[in-house]
Amino acid sequence: MSHEVVSALIIRSQKILLGLRSSTRAFYPDVWDMFGGHVEPGETHEQTLVRELQEELGITPTRWTYLEMLKLPLPAPTQPPFQG
């Protein structure tokens, strides 16, 4: 089963914009993360990126550079994101 998510690495004036995830989230709670979200049925990655940034930040991206696609297994909801 695949689950697609897009995210934006927003850089301005040599600074990266991140958002703090809610501590009540099932996956990766209370960590700094990039903005983005889930691809809805019938939606392209580009449409998802625009929609999510409009919803979350009130901005409309007009240009971007594709960086990478990652395929990762979902962690168990109670599993911490990183164990070292």
PDB file of N, CA and C in Angstrom:
ATOM      1  N   MET A   1       0.843  -1.181   0.000  1.00  0.00           N
ATOM      2  CA  MET A   1       0.000   0.000   0.000  1.00  0.00           C
ATOM      3  C   MET A   1       0.882   1.236   0.000  1.00  0.00           C
ATOM      4  N   SER A   2       0.554   2.200  -0.836  1.00  0.00           N
ATOM      5  CA  SER A   2       1.350   3.430  -0.841  1.00  0.00           C
ATOM      6  C   SER A   2       0.504   4.588  -0.337  1.00  0.00           C
ATOM      7  N   HIS A   3       1.175   5.525   0.231  1.00  0.00           N
ATOM      8  CA  HIS A   3       0.533   6.727   0.760  1.00  0.00           C
ATOM      9  C   HIS A   3       1.425   7.886   0.349  1.00  0.00           C
ATOM     10  N   GLU A   4       0.890   8.798  -0.456  1.00  0.00           N
ATOM     11  CA  GLU A   4       1.725   9.871  -0.986  1.00  0.00           C
ATOM     12  C   GLU A   4       1.521  11.171  -0.216  1.00  0.00           C
ATOM     13  N   VAL A   5       2.629  11.808   0.077  1.00  0.00           N
ATOM     14  CA  VAL A   5       2.646  13.085   0.785  1.00  0.00           C
ATOM     15  C   VAL A   5       3.640  13.979   0.061  1.00  0.00           C
ATOM     16  N   VAL A   6       3.324  15.248  -0.060  1.00  0.00           N
ATOM     17  CA  VAL A   6       4.282  16.208  -0.607  1.00  0.00           C
ATOM     18  C   VAL A   6       4.674  17.179   0.493  1.00  0.00           C
ATOM     19  N   SER A   7       5.866  17.727   0.385  1.00  0.00           N
ATOM     20  CA  SER A   7       6.288  18.747   1.344  1.00  0.00           C
ATOM     21  C   SER A   7       7.178  19.754   0.638  1.00  0.00           C
ATOM     22  N   ALA A   8       7.231  20.936   1.212  1.00  0.00           N
ATOM     23  CA  ALA A   8       7.987  22.034   0.615  1.00  0.00           C
ATOM     24  C   ALA A   8       9.109  22.452   1.555  1.00  0.00           C
ATOM     25  N   LEU A   9      10.294  22.538   1.008  1.00  0.00           N
ATOM     26  CA  LEU A   9      11.432  23.093   1.723  1.00  0.00           C
ATOM     27  C   LEU A   9      11.483  24.568   1.336  1.00  0.00           C
ATOM     28  N   ILE A  10      10.982  25.424   2.217  1.00  0.00           N
ATOM     29  CA  ILE A  10      10.856  26.845   1.913  1.00  0.00           C
ATOM     30  C   ILE A  10      12.075  27.571   2.464  1.00  0.00           C
ATOM     31  N   ILE A  11      12.832  28.182   1.547  1.00  0.00           N
ATOM     32  CA  ILE A  11      14.068  28.884   1.904  1.00  0.00           C
ATOM     33  C   ILE A  11      13.962  30.321   1.448  1.00  0.00           C
ATOM     34  N   ARG A  12      14.254  31.234   2.365  1.00  0.00           N
ATOM     35  CA  ARG A  12      14.266  32.661   2.033  1.00  0.00           C
ATOM     36  C   ARG A  12      15.318  33.339   2.897  1.00  0.00           C
ATOM     37  N   SER A  13      16.124  34.171   2.281  1.00  0.00           N
ATOM     38  CA  SER A  13      17.196  34.879   2.995  1.00  0.00           C
ATOM     39  C   SER A  13      18.076  33.903   3.775  1.00  0.00           C
ATOM     40  N   GLN A  14      18.378  32.786   3.159  1.00  0.00           N
ATOM     41  CA  GLN A  14      19.236  31.756   3.732  1.00  0.00           C
ATOM     42  C   GLN A  14      18.681  31.178   5.030  1.00  0.00           C
ATOM     43  N   LYS A  15      17.347  31.212   5.196  1.00  0.00           N
ATOM     44  CA  LYS A  15      16.683  30.622   6.355  1.00  0.00           C
ATOM     45  C   LYS A  15      15.633  29.645   5.857  1.00  0.00           C
ATOM     46  N   ILE A  16      15.435  28.564   6.613  1.00  0.00           N
ATOM     47  CA  ILE A  16      14.459  27.538   6.281  1.00  0.00           C
ATOM     48  C   ILE A  16      13.252  27.695   7.197  1.00  0.00           C
ATOM     49  N   LEU A  17      12.056  27.678   6.606  1.00  0.00           N
ATOM     50  CA  LEU A  17      10.821  27.786   7.378  1.00  0.00           C
ATOM     51  C   LEU A  17      10.326  26.393   7.730  1.00  0.00           C
ATOM     52  N   LEU A  18      10.173  26.129   9.031  1.00  0.00           N
ATOM     53  CA  LEU A  18       9.652  24.859   9.519  1.00  0.00           C
ATOM     54  C   LEU A  18       8.464  25.127  10.429  1.00  0.00           C
ATOM     55  N   GLY A  19       7.619  24.132  10.594  1.00  0.00           N
ATOM     56  CA  GLY A  19       6.486  24.227  11.510  1.00  0.00           C
ATOM     57  C   GLY A  19       6.603  23.148  12.570  1.00  0.00           C
ATOM     58  N   LEU A  20       6.148  23.453  13.776  1.00  0.00           N
ATOM     59  CA  LEU A  20       6.189  22.479  14.871  1.00  0.00           C
ATOM     60  C   LEU A  20       4.909  21.656  14.849  1.00  0.00           C
ATOM     61  N   ARG A  21       5.057  20.347  14.694  1.00  0.00           N
ATOM     62  CA  ARG A  21       3.896  19.457  14.668  1.00  0.00           C
ATOM     63  C   ARG A  21       3.270  19.388  16.057  1.00  0.00           C
ATOM     64  N   SER A  22       1.976  19.226  16.095  1.00  0.00           N
ATOM     65  CA  SER A  22       1.242  19.140  17.354  1.00  0.00           C
ATOM     66  C   SER A  22       1.714  17.931  18.161  1.00  0.00           C
ATOM     67  N   SER A  23       1.724  18.063  19.464  1.00  0.00           N
ATOM     68  CA  SER A  23       2.113  16.940  20.322  1.00  0.00           C
ATOM     69  C   SER A  23       1.039  15.858  20.353  1.00  0.00           C
ATOM     70  N   THR A  24      -0.139  16.133  19.788  1.00  0.00           N
ATOM     71  CA  THR A  24      -1.214  15.144  19.761  1.00  0.00           C
ATOM     72  C   THR A  24      -1.268  14.359  18.450  1.00  0.00           C
ATOM     73  N   ARG A  25      -0.351  14.639  17.515  1.00  0.00           N
ATOM     74  CA  ARG A  25      -0.337  13.918  16.231  1.00  0.00           C
ATOM     75  C   ARG A  25       0.058  12.457  16.471  1.00  0.00           C
ATOM     76  N   ALA A  26      -0.530  11.555  15.686  1.00  0.00           N
ATOM     77  CA  ALA A  26      -0.221  10.128  15.814  1.00  0.00           C
ATOM     78  C   ALA A  26       1.188   9.812  15.319  1.00  0.00           C
ATOM     79  N   PHE A  27       1.608  10.470  14.235  1.00  0.00           N
ATOM     80  CA  PHE A  27       2.928  10.212  13.669  1.00  0.00           C
ATOM     81  C   PHE A  27       3.821  11.426  13.872  1.00  0.00           C
ATOM     82  N   TYR A  28       5.014  11.207  14.361  1.00  0.00           N
ATOM     83  CA  TYR A  28       6.008  12.249  14.572  1.00  0.00           C
ATOM     84  C   TYR A  28       5.448  13.441  15.354  1.00  0.00           C
ATOM     85  N   PRO A  29       4.893  13.204  16.543  1.00  0.00           N
ATOM     86  CA  PRO A  29       4.367  14.322  17.323  1.00  0.00           C
ATOM     87  C   PRO A  29       5.485  15.212  17.856  1.00  0.00           C
ATOM     88  N   ASP A  30       5.191  16.504  17.973  1.00  0.00           N
ATOM     89  CA  ASP A  30       6.067  17.461  18.647  1.00  0.00           C
ATOM     90  C   ASP A  30       7.472  17.555  18.030  1.00  0.00           C
ATOM     91  N   VAL A  31       7.555  17.478  16.701  1.00  0.00           N
ATOM     92  CA  VAL A  31       8.845  17.649  16.024  1.00  0.00           C
ATOM     93  C   VAL A  31       8.713  18.753  14.976  1.00  0.00           C
ATOM     94  N   TRP A  32       9.827  19.362  14.620  1.00  0.00           N
ATOM     95  CA  TRP A  32       9.856  20.380  13.568  1.00  0.00           C
ATOM     96  C   TRP A  32       9.780  19.675  12.225  1.00  0.00           C
ATOM     97  N   ASP A  33       8.982  20.241  11.313  1.00  0.00           N
ATOM     98  CA  ASP A  33       8.723  19.558  10.050  1.00  0.00           C
ATOM     99  C   ASP A  33       8.530  20.581   8.933  1.00  0.00           C
ATOM    100  N   MET A  34       8.644  20.121   7.691  1.00  0.00           N
ATOM    101  CA  MET A  34       8.342  20.964   6.538  1.00  0.00           C
ATOM    102  C   MET A  34       6.837  21.018   6.341  1.00  0.00           C
ATOM    103  N   PHE A  35       6.358  22.011   5.611  1.00  0.00           N
ATOM    104  CA  PHE A  35       4.931  22.152   5.343  1.00  0.00           C
ATOM    105  C   PHE A  35       4.555  21.314   4.137  1.00  0.00           C
ATOM    106  N   GLY A  36       3.352  20.785   4.149  1.00  0.00           N
ATOM    107  CA  GLY A  36       2.864  19.970   3.055  1.00  0.00           C
ATOM    108  C   GLY A  36       1.705  19.134   3.528  1.00  0.00           C
ATOM    109  N   GLY A  37       1.396  18.089   2.789  1.00  0.00           N
ATOM    110  CA  GLY A  37       0.284  17.248   3.199  1.00  0.00           C
ATOM    111  C   GLY A  37       0.021  16.104   2.250  1.00  0.00           C
ATOM    112  N   HIS A  38      -1.102  15.453   2.480  1.00  0.00           N
ATOM    113  CA  HIS A  38      -1.489  14.239   1.777  1.00  0.00           C
ATOM    114  C   HIS A  38      -2.062  14.539   0.394  1.00  0.00           C
ATOM    115  N   VAL A  39      -1.654  13.722  -0.561  1.00  0.00           N
ATOM    116  CA  VAL A  39      -2.191  13.818  -1.921  1.00  0.00           C
ATOM    117  C   VAL A  39      -3.583  13.204  -1.914  1.00  0.00           C
ATOM    118  N   GLU A  40      -4.574  13.987  -2.356  1.00  0.00           N
ATOM    119  CA  GLU A  40      -5.950  13.504  -2.403  1.00  0.00           C
ATOM    120  C   GLU A  40      -6.203  12.792  -3.731  1.00  0.00           C
ATOM    121  N   PRO A  41      -7.183  11.883  -3.766  1.00  0.00           N
ATOM    122  CA  PRO A  41      -7.488  11.155  -5.016  1.00  0.00           C
ATOM    123  C   PRO A  41      -7.731  12.111  -6.179  1.00  0.00           C
ATOM    124  N   GLY A  42      -7.092  11.819  -7.320  1.00  0.00           N
ATOM    125  CA  GLY A  42      -7.252  12.628  -8.517  1.00  0.00           C
ATOM    126  C   GLY A  42      -6.410  13.885  -8.549  1.00  0.00           C
ATOM    127  N   GLU A  43      -5.615  14.113  -7.529  1.00  0.00           N
ATOM    128  CA  GLU A  43      -4.809  15.329  -7.419  1.00  0.00           C
ATOM    129  C   GLU A  43      -3.361  15.029  -7.815  1.00  0.00           C
ATOM    130  N   THR A  44      -2.729  15.948  -8.527  1.00  0.00           N
ATOM    131  CA  THR A  44      -1.306  15.795  -8.843  1.00  0.00           C
ATOM    132  C   THR A  44      -0.473  16.273  -7.652  1.00  0.00           C
ATOM    133  N   HIS A  45       0.792  15.930  -7.660  1.00  0.00           N
ATOM    134  CA  HIS A  45       1.682  16.401  -6.590  1.00  0.00           C
ATOM    135  C   HIS A  45       1.739  17.923  -6.576  1.00  0.00           C
ATOM    136  N   GLU A  46       1.771  18.524  -7.754  1.00  0.00           N
ATOM    137  CA  GLU A  46       1.837  19.980  -7.848  1.00  0.00           C
ATOM    138  C   GLU A  46       0.573  20.627  -7.281  1.00  0.00           C
ATOM    139  N   GLN A  47      -0.594  20.063  -7.593  1.00  0.00           N
ATOM    140  CA  GLN A  47      -1.850  20.587  -7.057  1.00  0.00           C
ATOM    141  C   GLN A  47      -1.887  20.462  -5.529  1.00  0.00           C
ATOM    142  N   THR A  48      -1.395  19.346  -5.021  1.00  0.00           N
ATOM    143  CA  THR A  48      -1.345  19.148  -3.571  1.00  0.00           C
ATOM    144  C   THR A  48      -0.442  20.181  -2.916  1.00  0.00           C
ATOM    145  N   LEU A  49       0.725  20.413  -3.500  1.00  0.00           N
ATOM    146  CA  LEU A  49       1.663  21.385  -2.949  1.00  0.00           C
ATOM    147  C   LEU A  49       1.033  22.770  -2.864  1.00  0.00           C
ATOM    148  N   VAL A  50       0.411  23.210  -3.936  1.00  0.00           N
ATOM    149  CA  VAL A  50      -0.233  24.533  -3.957  1.00  0.00           C
ATOM    150  C   VAL A  50      -1.354  24.593  -2.918  1.00  0.00           C
ATOM    151  N   ARG A  51      -2.228  23.581  -2.899  1.00  0.00           N
ATOM    152  CA  ARG A  51      -3.353  23.564  -1.969  1.00  0.00           C
ATOM    153  C   ARG A  51      -2.891  23.595  -0.516  1.00  0.00           C
ATOM    154  N   GLU A  52      -1.932  22.745  -0.178  1.00  0.00           N
ATOM    155  CA  GLU A  52      -1.467  22.664   1.203  1.00  0.00           C
ATOM    156  C   GLU A  52      -0.800  23.964   1.669  1.00  0.00           C
ATOM    157  N   LEU A  53       0.011  24.576   0.811  1.00  0.00           N
ATOM    158  CA  LEU A  53       0.670  25.825   1.214  1.00  0.00           C
ATOM    159  C   LEU A  53      -0.333  26.969   1.327  1.00  0.00           C
ATOM    160  N   GLN A  54      -1.383  26.945   0.512  1.00  0.00           N
ATOM    161  CA  GLN A  54      -2.440  27.944   0.650  1.00  0.00           C
ATOM    162  C   GLN A  54      -3.184  27.735   1.974  1.00  0.00           C
ATOM    163  N   GLU A  55      -3.510  26.493   2.293  1.00  0.00           N
ATOM    164  CA  GLU A  55      -4.238  26.189   3.526  1.00  0.00           C
ATOM    165  C   GLU A  55      -3.412  26.481   4.775  1.00  0.00           C
ATOM    166  N   GLU A  56      -2.158  26.064   4.769  1.00  0.00           N
ATOM    167  CA  GLU A  56      -1.341  26.141   5.980  1.00  0.00           C
ATOM    168  C   GLU A  56      -0.672  27.491   6.187  1.00  0.00           C
ATOM    169  N   LEU A  57      -0.294  28.153   5.105  1.00  0.00           N
ATOM    170  CA  LEU A  57       0.493  29.380   5.236  1.00  0.00           C
ATOM    171  C   LEU A  57      -0.134  30.596   4.557  1.00  0.00           C
ATOM    172  N   GLY A  58      -1.173  30.375   3.752  1.00  0.00           N
ATOM    173  CA  GLY A  58      -1.779  31.483   3.022  1.00  0.00           C
ATOM    174  C   GLY A  58      -0.911  32.000   1.885  1.00  0.00           C
ATOM    175  N   ILE A  59      -0.032  31.125   1.363  1.00  0.00           N
ATOM    176  CA  ILE A  59       0.832  31.514   0.242  1.00  0.00           C
ATOM    177  C   ILE A  59       0.547  30.625  -0.955  1.00  0.00           C
ATOM    178  N   THR A  60       0.819  31.130  -2.148  1.00  0.00           N
ATOM    179  CA  THR A  60       0.668  30.353  -3.370  1.00  0.00           C
ATOM    180  C   THR A  60       2.023  30.278  -4.059  1.00  0.00           C
ATOM    181  N   PRO A  61       2.642  29.098  -4.059  1.00  0.00           N
ATOM    182  CA  PRO A  61       3.927  28.976  -4.738  1.00  0.00           C
ATOM    183  C   PRO A  61       3.744  29.141  -6.250  1.00  0.00           C
ATOM    184  N   THR A  62       4.652  29.851  -6.874  1.00  0.00           N
ATOM    185  CA  THR A  62       4.576  30.063  -8.317  1.00  0.00           C
ATOM    186  C   THR A  62       5.695  29.349  -9.062  1.00  0.00           C
ATOM    187  N   ARG A  63       6.700  28.919  -8.329  1.00  0.00           N
ATOM    188  CA  ARG A  63       7.775  28.130  -8.940  1.00  0.00           C
ATOM    189  C   ARG A  63       8.429  27.289  -7.865  1.00  0.00           C
ATOM    190  N   TRP A  64       8.951  26.159  -8.277  1.00  0.00           N
ATOM    191  CA  TRP A  64       9.620  25.263  -7.355  1.00  0.00           C
ATOM    192  C   TRP A  64      10.535  24.351  -8.137  1.00  0.00           C
ATOM    193  N   THR A  65      11.404  23.681  -7.410  1.00  0.00           N
ATOM    194  CA  THR A  65      12.323  22.712  -7.991  1.00  0.00           C
ATOM    195  C   THR A  65      12.087  21.373  -7.311  1.00  0.00           C
ATOM    196  N   TYR A  66      11.819  20.371  -8.093  1.00  0.00           N
ATOM    197  CA  TYR A  66      11.649  19.023  -7.563  1.00  0.00           C
ATOM    198  C   TYR A  66      12.991  18.546  -7.027  1.00  0.00           C
ATOM    199  N   LEU A  67      12.999  18.015  -5.794  1.00  0.00           N
ATOM    200  CA  LEU A  67      14.252  17.553  -5.209  1.00  0.00           C
ATOM    201  C   LEU A  67      14.376  16.036  -5.160  1.00  0.00           C
ATOM    202  N   GLU A  68      13.392  15.366  -4.594  1.00  0.00           N
ATOM    203  CA  GLU A  68      13.566  13.940  -4.346  1.00  0.00           C
ATOM    204  C   GLU A  68      12.243  13.282  -4.004  1.00  0.00           C
ATOM    205  N   MET A  69      12.159  11.973  -4.267  1.00  0.00           N
ATOM    206  CA  MET A  69      11.043  11.163  -3.809  1.00  0.00           C
ATOM    207  C   MET A  69      11.612  10.125  -2.850  1.00  0.00           C
ATOM    208  N   LEU A  70      11.017  10.038  -1.687  1.00  0.00           N
ATOM    209  CA  LEU A  70      11.438   9.057  -0.699  1.00  0.00           C
ATOM    210  C   LEU A  70      10.327   8.042  -0.506  1.00  0.00           C
ATOM    211  N   LYS A  71      10.692   6.786  -0.392  1.00  0.00           N
ATOM    212  CA  LYS A  71       9.728   5.733  -0.089  1.00  0.00           C
ATOM    213  C   LYS A  71      10.147   5.131   1.246  1.00  0.00           C
ATOM    214  N   LEU A  72       9.331   5.420   2.256  1.00  0.00           N
ATOM    215  CA  LEU A  72       9.648   4.981   3.606  1.00  0.00           C
ATOM    216  C   LEU A  72       8.467   4.250   4.211  1.00  0.00           C
ATOM    217  N   PRO A  73       8.726   3.261   5.068  1.00  0.00           N
ATOM    218  CA  PRO A  73       7.615   2.616   5.770  1.00  0.00           C
ATOM    219  C   PRO A  73       7.080   3.567   6.840  1.00  0.00           C
ATOM    220  N   LEU A  74       5.780   3.485   7.093  1.00  0.00           N
ATOM    221  CA  LEU A  74       5.201   4.293   8.162  1.00  0.00           C
ATOM    222  C   LEU A  74       5.582   3.692   9.505  1.00  0.00           C
ATOM    223  N   PRO A  75       5.966   4.527  10.473  1.00  0.00           N
ATOM    224  CA  PRO A  75       6.268   4.006  11.808  1.00  0.00           C
ATOM    225  C   PRO A  75       4.966   3.673  12.530  1.00  0.00           C
ATOM    226  N   ALA A  76       5.057   2.876  13.573  1.00  0.00           N
ATOM    227  CA  ALA A  76       3.901   2.664  14.429  1.00  0.00           C
ATOM    228  C   ALA A  76       3.564   3.993  15.102  1.00  0.00           C
ATOM    229  N   PRO A  77       2.284   4.291  15.313  1.00  0.00           N
ATOM    230  CA  PRO A  77       1.898   5.594  15.872  1.00  0.00           C
ATOM    231  C   PRO A  77       2.575   5.954  17.184  1.00  0.00           C
ATOM    232  N   THR A  78       2.933   4.987  17.999  1.00  0.00           N
ATOM    233  CA  THR A  78       3.555   5.295  19.286  1.00  0.00           C
ATOM    234  C   THR A  78       5.080   5.294  19.227  1.00  0.00           C
ATOM    235  N   GLN A  79       5.642   4.935  18.104  1.00  0.00           N
ATOM    236  CA  GLN A  79       7.101   4.864  17.949  1.00  0.00           C
ATOM    237  C   GLN A  79       7.683   6.264  17.819  1.00  0.00           C
ATOM    238  N   PRO A  80       8.729   6.596  18.589  1.00  0.00           N
ATOM    239  CA  PRO A  80       9.377   7.908  18.402  1.00  0.00           C
ATOM    240  C   PRO A  80       9.985   7.999  17.009  1.00  0.00           C
ATOM    241  N   PRO A  81      10.090   9.207  16.440  1.00  0.00           N
ATOM    242  CA  PRO A  81      10.589   9.341  15.083  1.00  0.00           C
ATOM    243  C   PRO A  81      12.034   8.931  14.900  1.00  0.00           C
ATOM    244  N   PHE A  82      12.849   9.154  15.894  1.00  0.00           N
ATOM    245  CA  PHE A  82      14.280   8.829  15.769  1.00  0.00           C
ATOM    246  C   PHE A  82      14.743   8.181  17.065  1.00  0.00           C
ATOM    247  N   GLN A  83      15.503   7.130  16.925  1.00  0.00           N
ATOM    248  CA  GLN A  83      16.089   6.472  18.093  1.00  0.00           C
ATOM    249  C   GLN A  83      17.585   6.376  17.847  1.00  0.00           C
ATOM    250  N   GLY A  84      18.368   6.868  18.785  1.00  0.00           N
ATOM    251  CA  GLY A  84      19.798   6.898  18.537  1.00  0.00           C
ATOM    252  C   GLY A  84      20.631   6.226  19.513  1.00  0.00           C
TER     253      GLY A  84
END
